[in-house]
Amino acid sequence: MTTPECKTPEEKKCCPCRKMPALFLILFGFTFLLREAGFISQHVAGLIWPCIVILAGAQLMFGHLCKCCKTE
């Protein structure tokens, strides 16, 4: 799936790569909430949160590769 080229500043705000940091932050917090509520074990939470941090770092490194971000 390719991201269409964004021509206006409003379209750039809607670029999926702009929403990824917020999504990773939500997932990070949700992991700890599930652990504290007893839905997942501490061991599982200990495996999930590093993966979320790694994905967030990869998105920061490679998120600029979409057409919207290349034109900035």
Protein backbone atom coordinates (compact mmCIF):
# COMPACT_ATOMS: atom_id res chain seq x y z
CA MET A 1 0.00 0.00 0.00
CA THR A 2 1.44 3.33 -1.02
CA THR A 3 0.62 6.68 0.46
CA PRO A 4 -0.66 9.19 -2.09
CA GLU A 5 1.37 12.34 -2.48
CA CYS A 6 0.09 15.12 -0.25
CA LYS A 7 -0.02 18.48 -1.95
CA THR A 8 -1.45 20.77 0.72
CA PRO A 9 -0.53 21.29 4.39
CA GLU A 10 -3.96 19.95 5.38
CA GLU A 11 -3.30 16.69 3.52
CA LYS A 12 0.11 16.40 5.17
CA LYS A 13 -1.56 16.52 8.59
CA CYS A 14 -3.61 13.46 7.61
CA CYS A 15 -0.57 11.43 6.58
CA PRO A 16 -0.57 8.06 8.42
CA CYS A 17 3.05 8.51 9.49
CA ARG A 18 1.98 11.58 11.50
CA LYS A 19 -0.36 9.44 13.61
CA MET A 20 2.10 6.66 14.40
CA PRO A 21 3.85 8.28 17.42
CA ALA A 22 0.50 8.78 19.12
CA LEU A 23 -0.51 5.20 18.34
CA PHE A 24 2.70 3.82 19.85
CA LEU A 25 2.23 5.94 22.97
CA ILE A 26 -1.34 4.68 23.35
CA LEU A 27 -0.22 1.05 22.91
CA PHE A 28 2.58 1.58 25.42
CA GLY A 29 0.18 2.89 28.04
CA PHE A 30 -2.46 0.29 27.23
CA THR A 31 0.10 -2.47 27.84
CA PHE A 32 0.66 -1.29 31.40
CA LEU A 33 -3.05 -0.75 31.97
CA LEU A 34 -3.79 -4.34 30.92
CA ARG A 35 -1.03 -5.59 33.20
CA GLU A 36 -2.31 -3.66 36.20
CA ALA A 37 -5.89 -4.80 35.52
CA GLY A 38 -4.71 -8.42 35.50
CA PHE A 39 -5.60 -9.16 31.88
CA ILE A 40 -2.01 -9.95 30.94
CA SER A 41 0.84 -11.19 33.12
CA GLN A 42 3.87 -9.17 34.04
CA HIS A 43 5.95 -11.51 31.88
CA VAL A 44 3.83 -10.81 28.78
CA ALA A 45 3.86 -7.06 29.45
CA GLY A 46 7.64 -7.30 29.81
CA LEU A 47 7.78 -8.73 26.30
CA ILE A 48 5.30 -6.36 24.70
CA TRP A 49 6.54 -2.95 25.80
CA PRO A 50 10.08 -3.33 24.42
CA CYS A 51 8.57 -4.33 21.07
CA ILE A 52 6.46 -1.18 21.08
CA VAL A 53 9.52 0.94 21.83
CA ILE A 54 11.48 -0.76 19.03
CA LEU A 55 8.63 -0.18 16.57
CA ALA A 56 8.41 3.47 17.60
CA GLY A 57 12.14 3.88 17.02
CA ALA A 58 11.91 2.22 13.62
CA GLN A 59 9.03 4.50 12.69
CA LEU A 60 11.11 7.53 13.66
CA MET A 61 13.98 6.29 11.51
CA PHE A 62 11.96 5.27 8.47
CA GLY A 63 8.77 7.34 8.78
CA HIS A 64 10.18 10.09 6.59
CA LEU A 65 10.16 7.78 3.59
CA CYS A 66 6.52 8.47 2.63
CA LYS A 67 5.84 10.90 -0.21
CA CYS A 68 4.26 13.45 2.13
CA CYS A 69 7.32 13.73 4.32
CA LYS A 70 9.79 13.79 1.44
CA THR A 71 8.32 17.02 0.12
CA GLU A 72 8.78 18.95 3.39
